[in-house]
Amino acid sequence: MVAVLLGATTGMAYLSHGESTPPAKPLTQFPDQIGPYSKVIEWPLDKETLDILKLSDYLNRGYWTPGMNRDLLGLYVGYFRSQRTGATIHSPKNCLPGAGWNPVQATIYQIAAGRWRARFRSTCISCAKLRTRVVLYWYQSHGRIVASDTGASSI
């Protein structure tokens, strides 16, 4: 029995080729125009935040529509090439209060996106600091889109 277990362990070590991760374009190639909104600012994350998140790549931008009375649209995308290195999801439900934002309400929100207006679910949080903001977020992995933090840990 011991020989079989040792043989299986040795075989797995030699046969394992690691995790297969598809190539990804840098997030800096994300469009500067989203509908009527144009990119107006890039917000770099500080070293302490990057050390906590352990991201492979990220995008943190502000978009605005000239001539319209609308607030700046903030877009943050965090990309993890692999989740096997011990880095886990970093939920906005934890980091928003840590940054001083007070969550007021959380609901599930349907988003219609893409050429065929495909629908997927996201989490929508209203939060307040000096002003009220709305945060929409979801997780994507292996062709799946998940709205909840607990569901994202299994993708």
C-alpha atoms as a PDB file:
ATOM      1  CA  MET A   1       0.000   0.000   0.000  1.00  0.00           C
ATOM      2  CA  VAL A   2       2.830   2.377   0.896  1.00  0.00           C
ATOM      3  CA  ALA A   3       4.593   1.618  -2.400  1.00  0.00           C
ATOM      4  CA  VAL A   4       1.419   2.361  -4.353  1.00  0.00           C
ATOM      5  CA  LEU A   5       0.939   5.686  -2.542  1.00  0.00           C
ATOM      6  CA  LEU A   6       4.580   6.691  -3.065  1.00  0.00           C
ATOM      7  CA  GLY A   7       4.358   5.704  -6.718  1.00  0.00           C
ATOM      8  CA  ALA A   8       1.147   7.692  -7.208  1.00  0.00           C
ATOM      9  CA  THR A   9       2.619  10.767  -5.488  1.00  0.00           C
ATOM     10  CA  THR A  10       5.805  10.592  -7.572  1.00  0.00           C
ATOM     11  CA  GLY A  11       3.800  10.076 -10.756  1.00  0.00           C
ATOM     12  CA  MET A  12       1.572  13.070 -10.029  1.00  0.00           C
ATOM     13  CA  ALA A  13       4.613  15.281  -9.453  1.00  0.00           C
ATOM     14  CA  TYR A  14       6.109  14.352 -12.814  1.00  0.00           C
ATOM     15  CA  LEU A  15       2.871  14.285 -14.787  1.00  0.00           C
ATOM     16  CA  SER A  16       1.475  17.571 -13.483  1.00  0.00           C
ATOM     17  CA  HIS A  17       2.102  20.413 -15.909  1.00  0.00           C
ATOM     18  CA  GLY A  18       0.735  23.105 -13.627  1.00  0.00           C
ATOM     19  CA  GLU A  19      -2.240  25.300 -14.220  1.00  0.00           C
ATOM     20  CA  SER A  20      -3.165  26.177 -17.777  1.00  0.00           C
ATOM     21  CA  THR A  21      -3.786  29.921 -17.970  1.00  0.00           C
ATOM     22  CA  PRO A  22      -4.864  31.529 -21.224  1.00  0.00           C
ATOM     23  CA  PRO A  23      -2.863  34.504 -22.520  1.00  0.00           C
ATOM     24  CA  ALA A  24      -4.384  37.840 -21.591  1.00  0.00           C
ATOM     25  CA  LYS A  25      -4.073  41.253 -23.185  1.00  0.00           C
ATOM     26  CA  PRO A  26      -2.832  43.992 -20.838  1.00  0.00           C
ATOM     27  CA  LEU A  27      -5.717  45.920 -19.282  1.00  0.00           C
ATOM     28  CA  THR A  28      -4.113  49.146 -20.503  1.00  0.00           C
ATOM     29  CA  GLN A  29      -5.562  48.152 -23.905  1.00  0.00           C
ATOM     30  CA  PHE A  30      -9.098  48.528 -22.522  1.00  0.00           C
ATOM     31  CA  PRO A  31     -10.979  51.122 -24.631  1.00  0.00           C
ATOM     32  CA  ASP A  32     -10.662  54.810 -23.778  1.00  0.00           C
ATOM     33  CA  GLN A  33     -14.301  55.265 -24.878  1.00  0.00           C
ATOM     34  CA  ILE A  34     -17.294  53.500 -23.268  1.00  0.00           C
ATOM     35  CA  GLY A  35     -20.487  54.629 -24.973  1.00  0.00           C
ATOM     36  CA  PRO A  36     -20.645  58.410 -24.470  1.00  0.00           C
ATOM     37  CA  TYR A  37     -17.964  58.300 -21.735  1.00  0.00           C
ATOM     38  CA  SER A  38     -14.297  59.149 -22.429  1.00  0.00           C
ATOM     39  CA  LYS A  39     -11.294  58.293 -20.270  1.00  0.00           C
ATOM     40  CA  VAL A  40     -10.138  61.361 -18.331  1.00  0.00           C
ATOM     41  CA  ILE A  41      -7.921  59.984 -15.543  1.00  0.00           C
ATOM     42  CA  GLU A  42      -5.905  56.944 -14.434  1.00  0.00           C
ATOM     43  CA  TRP A  43      -5.713  56.262 -10.684  1.00  0.00           C
ATOM     44  CA  PRO A  44      -2.661  54.170  -9.813  1.00  0.00           C
ATOM     45  CA  LEU A  45      -2.947  51.966  -6.727  1.00  0.00           C
ATOM     46  CA  ASP A  46      -0.348  52.490  -4.000  1.00  0.00           C
ATOM     47  CA  LYS A  47       2.240  49.808  -3.199  1.00  0.00           C
ATOM     48  CA  GLU A  48       0.517  48.798   0.061  1.00  0.00           C
ATOM     49  CA  THR A  49      -2.761  48.112  -1.771  1.00  0.00           C
ATOM     50  CA  LEU A  50      -0.973  46.201  -4.541  1.00  0.00           C
ATOM     51  CA  ASP A  51       0.839  44.079  -1.930  1.00  0.00           C
ATOM     52  CA  ILE A  52      -2.498  43.178  -0.304  1.00  0.00           C
ATOM     53  CA  LEU A  53      -4.349  42.415  -3.549  1.00  0.00           C
ATOM     54  CA  LYS A  54      -1.527  40.477  -5.294  1.00  0.00           C
ATOM     55  CA  LEU A  55      -2.963  41.330  -8.724  1.00  0.00           C
ATOM     56  CA  SER A  56      -1.470  40.186 -12.029  1.00  0.00           C
ATOM     57  CA  ASP A  57      -2.848  43.314 -13.732  1.00  0.00           C
ATOM     58  CA  TYR A  58      -5.378  46.007 -12.962  1.00  0.00           C
ATOM     59  CA  LEU A  59      -7.217  48.979 -14.412  1.00  0.00           C
ATOM     60  CA  ASN A  60      -8.410  51.906 -12.298  1.00  0.00           C
ATOM     61  CA  ARG A  61      -9.800  54.737 -14.418  1.00  0.00           C
ATOM     62  CA  GLY A  62     -12.275  57.562 -14.468  1.00  0.00           C
ATOM     63  CA  TYR A  63     -14.561  58.223 -17.453  1.00  0.00           C
ATOM     64  CA  TRP A  64     -16.669  61.324 -18.062  1.00  0.00           C
ATOM     65  CA  THR A  65     -19.119  62.671 -20.638  1.00  0.00           C
ATOM     66  CA  PRO A  66     -18.378  66.298 -21.599  1.00  0.00           C
ATOM     67  CA  GLY A  67     -21.363  68.622 -21.711  1.00  0.00           C
ATOM     68  CA  MET A  68     -23.555  66.384 -19.565  1.00  0.00           C
ATOM     69  CA  ASN A  69     -24.321  66.936 -15.902  1.00  0.00           C
ATOM     70  CA  ARG A  70     -23.119  63.511 -14.775  1.00  0.00           C
ATOM     71  CA  ASP A  71     -20.618  62.368 -12.198  1.00  0.00           C
ATOM     72  CA  LEU A  72     -17.382  60.696 -13.080  1.00  0.00           C
ATOM     73  CA  LEU A  73     -17.790  56.986 -13.863  1.00  0.00           C
ATOM     74  CA  GLY A  74     -15.118  54.984 -12.049  1.00  0.00           C
ATOM     75  CA  LEU A  75     -13.960  51.662 -13.462  1.00  0.00           C
ATOM     76  CA  TYR A  76     -11.788  49.222 -11.532  1.00  0.00           C
ATOM     77  CA  VAL A  77     -10.821  45.815 -12.927  1.00  0.00           C
ATOM     78  CA  GLY A  78      -8.565  43.466 -10.976  1.00  0.00           C
ATOM     79  CA  TYR A  79      -7.086  40.521 -12.886  1.00  0.00           C
ATOM     80  CA  PHE A  80      -5.579  37.412 -11.294  1.00  0.00           C
ATOM     81  CA  ARG A  81      -3.788  35.225 -13.804  1.00  0.00           C
ATOM     82  CA  SER A  82      -4.022  32.376 -11.306  1.00  0.00           C
ATOM     83  CA  GLN A  83      -5.868  31.836  -8.044  1.00  0.00           C
ATOM     84  CA  ARG A  84      -3.661  28.920  -7.035  1.00  0.00           C
ATOM     85  CA  THR A  85      -0.927  31.008  -5.408  1.00  0.00           C
ATOM     86  CA  GLY A  86      -3.049  31.614  -2.311  1.00  0.00           C
ATOM     87  CA  ALA A  87      -4.515  34.944  -3.429  1.00  0.00           C
ATOM     88  CA  THR A  88      -8.253  34.968  -2.882  1.00  0.00           C
ATOM     89  CA  ILE A  89     -10.997  37.318  -4.001  1.00  0.00           C
ATOM     90  CA  HIS A  90     -11.041  40.722  -2.390  1.00  0.00           C
ATOM     91  CA  SER A  91     -14.672  41.600  -1.842  1.00  0.00           C
ATOM     92  CA  PRO A  92     -15.888  45.203  -2.114  1.00  0.00           C
ATOM     93  CA  LYS A  93     -18.081  44.345   0.898  1.00  0.00           C
ATOM     94  CA  ASN A  94     -14.834  44.298   2.912  1.00  0.00           C
ATOM     95  CA  CYS A  95     -12.667  46.918   1.232  1.00  0.00           C
ATOM     96  CA  LEU A  96     -15.291  49.674   0.854  1.00  0.00           C
ATOM     97  CA  PRO A  97     -15.893  49.952   4.631  1.00  0.00           C
ATOM     98  CA  GLY A  98     -12.118  49.738   5.127  1.00  0.00           C
ATOM     99  CA  ALA A  99     -11.785  52.838   2.913  1.00  0.00           C
ATOM    100  CA  GLY A 100     -14.416  54.734   4.913  1.00  0.00           C
ATOM    101  CA  TRP A 101     -17.475  53.984   2.756  1.00  0.00           C
ATOM    102  CA  ASN A 102     -20.620  53.009   4.631  1.00  0.00           C
ATOM    103  CA  PRO A 103     -22.674  50.383   2.738  1.00  0.00           C
ATOM    104  CA  VAL A 104     -26.336  51.391   2.829  1.00  0.00           C
ATOM    105  CA  GLN A 105     -27.992  48.721   0.704  1.00  0.00           C
ATOM    106  CA  ALA A 106     -26.927  45.671  -1.337  1.00  0.00           C
ATOM    107  CA  THR A 107     -29.072  44.044  -4.022  1.00  0.00           C
ATOM    108  CA  ILE A 108     -28.640  41.835  -7.071  1.00  0.00           C
ATOM    109  CA  TYR A 109     -28.817  43.794 -10.336  1.00  0.00           C
ATOM    110  CA  GLN A 110     -29.254  42.506 -13.890  1.00  0.00           C
ATOM    111  CA  ILE A 111     -26.885  43.904 -16.529  1.00  0.00           C
ATOM    112  CA  ALA A 112     -27.516  43.605 -20.276  1.00  0.00           C
ATOM    113  CA  ALA A 113     -24.216  43.730 -22.144  1.00  0.00           C
ATOM    114  CA  GLY A 114     -22.666  42.940 -25.481  1.00  0.00           C
ATOM    115  CA  ARG A 115     -23.946  42.941 -29.007  1.00  0.00           C
ATOM    116  CA  TRP A 116     -26.821  40.587 -28.176  1.00  0.00           C
ATOM    117  CA  ARG A 117     -27.609  42.258 -24.832  1.00  0.00           C
ATOM    118  CA  ALA A 118     -26.815  39.084 -22.914  1.00  0.00           C
ATOM    119  CA  ARG A 119     -27.906  39.383 -19.299  1.00  0.00           C
ATOM    120  CA  PHE A 120     -25.872  38.549 -16.207  1.00  0.00           C
ATOM    121  CA  ARG A 121     -26.233  39.251 -12.517  1.00  0.00           C
ATOM    122  CA  SER A 122     -24.061  41.620 -10.507  1.00  0.00           C
ATOM    123  CA  THR A 123     -24.055  42.843  -6.936  1.00  0.00           C
ATOM    124  CA  CYS A 124     -25.168  46.456  -6.538  1.00  0.00           C
ATOM    125  CA  ILE A 125     -24.114  48.295  -3.361  1.00  0.00           C
ATOM    126  CA  SER A 126     -25.205  51.816  -2.434  1.00  0.00           C
ATOM    127  CA  CYS A 127     -22.604  53.324  -0.123  1.00  0.00           C
ATOM    128  CA  ALA A 128     -22.073  56.710   1.467  1.00  0.00           C
ATOM    129  CA  LYS A 129     -19.084  58.748   2.572  1.00  0.00           C
ATOM    130  CA  LEU A 130     -19.540  62.443   1.836  1.00  0.00           C
ATOM    131  CA  ARG A 131     -21.809  61.542  -1.089  1.00  0.00           C
ATOM    132  CA  THR A 132     -23.720  58.432  -2.048  1.00  0.00           C
ATOM    133  CA  ARG A 133     -22.172  56.200  -4.693  1.00  0.00           C
ATOM    134  CA  VAL A 134     -23.371  53.072  -6.437  1.00  0.00           C
ATOM    135  CA  VAL A 135     -20.943  50.193  -6.899  1.00  0.00           C
ATOM    136  CA  LEU A 136     -21.651  47.313  -9.291  1.00  0.00           C
ATOM    137  CA  TYR A 137     -19.384  44.288  -9.173  1.00  0.00           C
ATOM    138  CA  TRP A 138     -19.158  40.685 -10.266  1.00  0.00           C
ATOM    139  CA  TYR A 139     -16.537  37.982 -10.707  1.00  0.00           C
ATOM    140  CA  GLN A 140     -15.625  36.205 -13.939  1.00  0.00           C
ATOM    141  CA  SER A 141     -13.683  32.980 -14.287  1.00  0.00           C
ATOM    142  CA  HIS A 142     -13.687  29.965 -16.579  1.00  0.00           C
ATOM    143  CA  GLY A 143     -16.477  31.425 -18.723  1.00  0.00           C
ATOM    144  CA  ARG A 144     -18.784  32.017 -15.756  1.00  0.00           C
ATOM    145  CA  ILE A 145     -20.054  35.282 -14.268  1.00  0.00           C
ATOM    146  CA  VAL A 146     -20.972  35.228 -10.590  1.00  0.00           C
ATOM    147  CA  ALA A 147     -22.559  38.079  -8.604  1.00  0.00           C
ATOM    148  CA  SER A 148     -22.010  36.822  -5.068  1.00  0.00           C
ATOM    149  CA  ASP A 149     -18.764  36.709  -3.106  1.00  0.00           C
ATOM    150  CA  THR A 150     -19.482  33.196  -1.828  1.00  0.00           C
ATOM    151  CA  GLY A 151     -20.209  31.906  -5.326  1.00  0.00           C
ATOM    152  CA  ALA A 152     -17.007  33.503  -6.639  1.00  0.00           C
ATOM    153  CA  SER A 153     -14.830  31.518  -4.253  1.00  0.00           C
ATOM    154  CA  SER A 154     -15.885  28.335  -6.029  1.00  0.00           C
ATOM    155  CA  ILE A 155     -15.156  29.424  -9.608  1.00  0.00           C
END
